[in-house]
C-alpha atoms as a PDB file:
ATOM      1  CA  UNK A   1     -47.090  15.213   6.853  1.00  0.00           C
ATOM      2  CA  UNK A   2     -45.014  12.829   9.004  1.00  0.00           C
ATOM      3  CA  UNK A   3     -43.917  10.927   5.911  1.00  0.00           C
ATOM      4  CA  UNK A   4     -42.715  14.193   4.355  1.00  0.00           C
ATOM      5  CA  UNK A   5     -40.615  15.064   7.433  1.00  0.00           C
ATOM      6  CA  UNK A   6     -39.132  11.554   7.536  1.00  0.00           C
ATOM      7  CA  UNK A   7     -38.352  11.751   3.809  1.00  0.00           C
ATOM      8  CA  UNK A   8     -36.613  15.137   4.276  1.00  0.00           C
ATOM      9  CA  UNK A   9     -34.584  13.746   7.208  1.00  0.00           C
ATOM     10  CA  UNK A  10     -33.523  10.724   5.161  1.00  0.00           C
ATOM     11  CA  UNK A  11     -32.457  12.939   2.263  1.00  0.00           C
ATOM     12  CA  UNK A  12     -30.450  15.150   4.638  1.00  0.00           C
ATOM     13  CA  UNK A  13     -28.759  12.105   6.214  1.00  0.00           C
ATOM     14  CA  UNK A  14     -27.930  10.596   2.807  1.00  0.00           C
ATOM     15  CA  UNK A  15     -26.522  13.901   1.518  1.00  0.00           C
ATOM     16  CA  UNK A  16     -24.490  14.336   4.704  1.00  0.00           C
ATOM     17  CA  UNK A  17     -23.134  10.806   4.249  1.00  0.00           C
ATOM     18  CA  UNK A  18     -22.050  11.622   0.694  1.00  0.00           C
ATOM     19  CA  UNK A  19     -20.386  14.876   1.788  1.00  0.00           C
ATOM     20  CA  UNK A  20     -18.645  13.103   4.661  1.00  0.00           C
ATOM     21  CA  UNK A  21     -17.455  10.298   2.391  1.00  0.00           C
ATOM     22  CA  UNK A  22     -15.998  12.768  -0.107  1.00  0.00           C
ATOM     23  CA  UNK A  23     -14.344  14.748   2.705  1.00  0.00           C
ATOM     24  CA  UNK A  24     -12.689  11.585   4.045  1.00  0.00           C
ATOM     25  CA  UNK A  25     -11.636  10.482   0.560  1.00  0.00           C
ATOM     26  CA  UNK A  26     -10.169  13.912  -0.218  1.00  0.00           C
ATOM     27  CA  UNK A  27      -8.273  13.984   3.094  1.00  0.00           C
ATOM     28  CA  UNK A  28      -6.843  10.535   2.408  1.00  0.00           C
ATOM     29  CA  UNK A  29      -5.797  11.549  -1.095  1.00  0.00           C
ATOM     30  CA  UNK A  30      -4.115  14.712   0.198  1.00  0.00           C
ATOM     31  CA  UNK A  31      -2.376  12.658   2.881  1.00  0.00           C
ATOM     32  CA  UNK A  32      -1.106   9.990   0.453  1.00  0.00           C
ATOM     33  CA  UNK A  33       0.325  12.437  -2.085  1.00  0.00           C
ATOM     34  CA  UNK A  34       3.378  13.479  -0.004  1.00  0.00           C
ATOM     35  CA  UNK A  35       3.759   9.880   1.222  1.00  0.00           C
ATOM     36  CA  UNK A  36       4.042   8.659  -2.365  1.00  0.00           C
ATOM     37  CA  UNK A  37       6.527  11.399  -3.200  1.00  0.00           C
ATOM     38  CA  UNK A  38       8.741  10.571  -0.200  1.00  0.00           C
ATOM     39  CA  UNK A  39       8.542   6.819  -0.765  1.00  0.00           C
ATOM     40  CA  UNK A  40       9.252   7.250  -4.479  1.00  0.00           C
ATOM     41  CA  UNK A  41      12.327   9.388  -3.777  1.00  0.00           C
ATOM     42  CA  UNK A  42      13.650   6.814  -1.321  1.00  0.00           C
ATOM     43  CA  UNK A  43      12.817   3.895  -3.651  1.00  0.00           C
ATOM     44  CA  UNK A  44      14.789   5.477  -6.511  1.00  0.00           C
ATOM     45  CA  UNK A  45      17.846   5.964  -4.286  1.00  0.00           C
ATOM     46  CA  UNK A  46      20.994   3.895  -4.425  1.00  0.00           C
ATOM     47  CA  UNK A  47      20.663   2.135  -1.070  1.00  0.00           C
ATOM     48  CA  UNK A  48      18.308  -0.660  -0.105  1.00  0.00           C
ATOM     49  CA  UNK A  49      15.956  -0.111   2.784  1.00  0.00           C
ATOM     50  CA  UNK A  50      16.326  -2.628   5.576  1.00  0.00           C
ATOM     51  CA  UNK A  51      12.609  -3.037   6.198  1.00  0.00           C
ATOM     52  CA  UNK A  52      10.459  -5.709   4.654  1.00  0.00           C
ATOM     53  CA  UNK A  53       6.682  -6.003   4.859  1.00  0.00           C
ATOM     54  CA  UNK A  54       5.089  -9.088   6.345  1.00  0.00           C
ATOM     55  CA  UNK A  55       4.012 -11.520   3.664  1.00  0.00           C
ATOM     56  CA  UNK A  56       0.443 -12.480   4.508  1.00  0.00           C
ATOM     57  CA  UNK A  57      -0.417 -16.058   3.623  1.00  0.00           C
ATOM     58  CA  UNK A  58      -3.952 -16.025   5.025  1.00  0.00           C
ATOM     59  CA  UNK A  59      -6.265 -14.440   7.592  1.00  0.00           C
ATOM     60  CA  UNK A  60      -8.005 -15.827  10.640  1.00  0.00           C
ATOM     61  CA  UNK A  61     -11.257 -14.381  11.909  1.00  0.00           C
ATOM     62  CA  UNK A  62     -11.004 -12.435  15.137  1.00  0.00           C
ATOM     63  CA  UNK A  63     -13.180 -12.463  18.243  1.00  0.00           C
ATOM     64  CA  UNK A  64     -16.205 -11.071  16.403  1.00  0.00           C
ATOM     65  CA  UNK A  65     -16.142 -14.129  14.078  1.00  0.00           C
ATOM     66  CA  UNK A  66     -16.634 -11.939  11.006  1.00  0.00           C
ATOM     67  CA  UNK A  67     -14.298 -11.830   8.047  1.00  0.00           C
ATOM     68  CA  UNK A  68     -12.504  -8.668   6.938  1.00  0.00           C
ATOM     69  CA  UNK A  69     -12.833  -6.719  10.190  1.00  0.00           C
ATOM     70  CA  UNK A  70     -10.225  -4.903  12.276  1.00  0.00           C
ATOM     71  CA  UNK A  71      -9.754  -7.729  14.788  1.00  0.00           C
ATOM     72  CA  UNK A  72      -8.776 -10.346  12.174  1.00  0.00           C
ATOM     73  CA  UNK A  73      -5.283 -11.799  12.547  1.00  0.00           C
ATOM     74  CA  UNK A  74      -2.869 -12.373   9.695  1.00  0.00           C
ATOM     75  CA  UNK A  75      -0.842 -15.532   9.228  1.00  0.00           C
ATOM     76  CA  UNK A  76       2.523 -14.579   7.833  1.00  0.00           C
ATOM     77  CA  UNK A  77       4.812 -16.683   5.684  1.00  0.00           C
ATOM     78  CA  UNK A  78       7.734 -16.418   3.292  1.00  0.00           C
ATOM     79  CA  UNK A  79       7.441 -14.480   0.062  1.00  0.00           C
ATOM     80  CA  UNK A  80      10.650 -15.896  -1.403  1.00  0.00           C
ATOM     81  CA  UNK A  81       9.109 -19.157  -2.592  1.00  0.00           C
ATOM     82  CA  UNK A  82       6.048 -17.373  -3.980  1.00  0.00           C
ATOM     83  CA  UNK A  83       8.131 -14.895  -5.943  1.00  0.00           C
ATOM     84  CA  UNK A  84      10.307 -17.660  -7.334  1.00  0.00           C
ATOM     85  CA  UNK A  85       7.546 -20.076  -8.256  1.00  0.00           C
ATOM     86  CA  UNK A  86       4.833 -17.639  -9.344  1.00  0.00           C
ATOM     87  CA  UNK A  87       6.810 -14.974 -11.172  1.00  0.00           C
ATOM     88  CA  UNK A  88      10.508 -15.563 -11.776  1.00  0.00           C
ATOM     89  CA  UNK A  89      10.201 -19.219 -12.838  1.00  0.00           C
ATOM     90  CA  UNK A  90       7.652 -18.257 -15.514  1.00  0.00           C
ATOM     91  CA  UNK A  91       9.708 -15.441 -16.999  1.00  0.00           C
ATOM     92  CA  UNK A  92      11.481 -17.858 -19.391  1.00  0.00           C
ATOM     93  CA  UNK A  93      10.003 -20.578 -21.583  1.00  0.00           C
ATOM     94  CA  UNK A  94      12.612 -23.139 -20.584  1.00  0.00           C
ATOM     95  CA  UNK A  95      15.228 -23.202 -17.819  1.00  0.00           C
ATOM     96  CA  UNK A  96      17.911 -23.368 -20.517  1.00  0.00           C
ATOM     97  CA  UNK A  97      16.907 -19.815 -21.519  1.00  0.00           C
ATOM     98  CA  UNK A  98      18.538 -18.503 -18.346  1.00  0.00           C
ATOM     99  CA  UNK A  99      21.905 -18.854 -20.082  1.00  0.00           C
ATOM    100  CA  UNK A 100      21.102 -15.730 -22.093  1.00  0.00           C
ATOM    101  CA  UNK A 101      20.441 -13.729 -18.939  1.00  0.00           C
ATOM    102  CA  UNK A 102      23.453 -15.175 -17.103  1.00  0.00           C
ATOM    103  CA  UNK A 103      25.790 -13.904 -19.805  1.00  0.00           C
ATOM    104  CA  UNK A 104      24.724 -10.260 -19.412  1.00  0.00           C
ATOM    105  CA  UNK A 105      26.679  -8.010 -17.083  1.00  0.00           C
ATOM    106  CA  UNK A 106      24.207  -5.773 -15.305  1.00  0.00           C
ATOM    107  CA  UNK A 107      23.699  -3.818 -12.117  1.00  0.00           C
ATOM    108  CA  UNK A 108      20.240  -5.382 -11.799  1.00  0.00           C
ATOM    109  CA  UNK A 109      19.963  -8.009  -9.059  1.00  0.00           C
ATOM    110  CA  UNK A 110      19.340 -11.662  -9.874  1.00  0.00           C
ATOM    111  CA  UNK A 111      15.869 -12.594  -8.613  1.00  0.00           C
ATOM    112  CA  UNK A 112      16.335 -16.336  -9.039  1.00  0.00           C
ATOM    113  CA  UNK A 113      18.152 -16.468  -5.693  1.00  0.00           C
ATOM    114  CA  UNK A 114      15.069 -15.150  -3.871  1.00  0.00           C
ATOM    115  CA  UNK A 115      13.975 -11.672  -2.949  1.00  0.00           C
ATOM    116  CA  UNK A 116      16.256 -11.337   0.073  1.00  0.00           C
ATOM    117  CA  UNK A 117      19.373 -10.108  -1.724  1.00  0.00           C
ATOM    118  CA  UNK A 118      17.497  -8.512  -4.596  1.00  0.00           C
ATOM    119  CA  UNK A 119      14.697  -6.355  -3.298  1.00  0.00           C
ATOM    120  CA  UNK A 120      14.438  -3.943  -0.442  1.00  0.00           C
ATOM    121  CA  UNK A 121      11.465  -1.830   0.497  1.00  0.00           C
ATOM    122  CA  UNK A 122      10.913   1.705   1.609  1.00  0.00           C
ATOM    123  CA  UNK A 123       8.065   2.170   4.057  1.00  0.00           C
ATOM    124  CA  UNK A 124       6.026   5.311   4.662  1.00  0.00           C
ATOM    125  CA  UNK A 125       3.057   5.703   6.990  1.00  0.00           C
ATOM    126  CA  UNK A 126       0.849   8.614   8.045  1.00  0.00           C
ATOM    127  CA  UNK A 127      -2.587   9.335   9.460  1.00  0.00           C
ATOM    128  CA  UNK A 128      -4.899  12.320   9.727  1.00  0.00           C
ATOM    129  CA  UNK A 129      -7.966  13.174  11.782  1.00  0.00           C
ATOM    130  CA  UNK A 130     -11.146  14.129   9.933  1.00  0.00           C
ATOM    131  CA  UNK A 131     -13.752  16.134  11.798  1.00  0.00           C
ATOM    132  CA  UNK A 132     -17.228  14.752  11.228  1.00  0.00           C
ATOM    133  CA  UNK A 133     -20.197  16.817  10.136  1.00  0.00           C
ATOM    134  CA  UNK A 134     -22.617  17.571  13.000  1.00  0.00           C
ATOM    135  CA  UNK A 135     -25.342  15.329  11.603  1.00  0.00           C
ATOM    136  CA  UNK A 136     -22.904  12.408  11.261  1.00  0.00           C
ATOM    137  CA  UNK A 137     -21.377  13.096  14.668  1.00  0.00           C
ATOM    138  CA  UNK A 138     -24.653  13.436  16.571  1.00  0.00           C
ATOM    139  CA  UNK A 139     -27.017  11.064  14.781  1.00  0.00           C
ATOM    140  CA  UNK A 140     -25.016   8.352  13.042  1.00  0.00           C
ATOM    141  CA  UNK A 141     -21.462   7.728  14.259  1.00  0.00           C
ATOM    142  CA  UNK A 142     -21.346   9.282  17.714  1.00  0.00           C
ATOM    143  CA  UNK A 143     -17.705  10.401  17.444  1.00  0.00           C
ATOM    144  CA  UNK A 144     -16.218  13.860  16.900  1.00  0.00           C
ATOM    145  CA  UNK A 145     -13.653  12.654  14.385  1.00  0.00           C
ATOM    146  CA  UNK A 146     -12.381   9.607  12.536  1.00  0.00           C
ATOM    147  CA  UNK A 147      -8.785   8.683  11.830  1.00  0.00           C
ATOM    148  CA  UNK A 148      -7.829   8.149   8.209  1.00  0.00           C
ATOM    149  CA  UNK A 149      -4.527   6.409   7.631  1.00  0.00           C
ATOM    150  CA  UNK A 150      -2.303   5.239   4.877  1.00  0.00           C
ATOM    151  CA  UNK A 151       0.688   2.955   4.619  1.00  0.00           C
ATOM    152  CA  UNK A 152       2.896   2.479   1.562  1.00  0.00           C
ATOM    153  CA  UNK A 153       5.559  -0.077   0.730  1.00  0.00           C
ATOM    154  CA  UNK A 154       7.587   0.799  -2.356  1.00  0.00           C
ATOM    155  CA  UNK A 155      10.121  -1.720  -3.728  1.00  0.00           C
ATOM    156  CA  UNK A 156      13.672  -0.523  -4.235  1.00  0.00           C
ATOM    157  CA  UNK A 157      16.070  -2.039  -6.689  1.00  0.00           C
ATOM    158  CA  UNK A 158      19.191  -0.259  -5.411  1.00  0.00           C
ATOM    159  CA  UNK A 159      20.745  -0.090  -8.855  1.00  0.00           C
ATOM    160  CA  UNK A 160      24.313   1.162  -8.578  1.00  0.00           C
ATOM    161  CA  UNK A 161      24.732   4.466 -10.335  1.00  0.00           C
ATOM    162  CA  UNK A 162      20.999   5.292 -10.135  1.00  0.00           C
ATOM    163  CA  UNK A 163      20.370   8.964  -9.603  1.00  0.00           C
ATOM    164  CA  UNK A 164      24.049   9.843 -10.103  1.00  0.00           C
ATOM    165  CA  UNK A 165      25.317  12.052 -12.900  1.00  0.00           C
ATOM    166  CA  UNK A 166      28.130  10.380 -14.807  1.00  0.00           C
ATOM    167  CA  UNK A 167      29.294  13.724 -16.167  1.00  0.00           C
ATOM    168  CA  UNK A 168      28.833  12.652 -19.788  1.00  0.00           C
ATOM    169  CA  UNK A 169      25.680  14.664 -20.494  1.00  0.00           C
ATOM    170  CA  UNK A 170      24.478  15.277 -23.999  1.00  0.00           C
END
């Protein structure tokens, strides 16, 4: 009889964990939807955002000496050399092929000079509180709520004329 009660309790805890997980995931999805819309609108605009995300080169373990936990510290570096060497430099077969690109007049920025003048970023951030189910609150986690957050960095290209009507519609 005791085994049956323990089995029922375990099933209830597992089901509550699934329900709580889906509730948190749904809240995060609902929170990120307007963030993506706002960031997308700003990213498609004609002006570059002044903010830039930190480029993380590596991580160092925090005080708990465990990897991938909240107290880990990032080591930041420069993204310009990575963009140039890992992406832009490999976009042509030979450096002489750049002559074809150089001859084109375009509003698109030249990425060979680094990301500084070319790319800007729009940044959106939000968080929401999720109330925990009683079984999770009282037996497992010990908190009334958890905070679910999201942070988005969208690149902007700041193409002149983007989003403007030239009056020559079809």
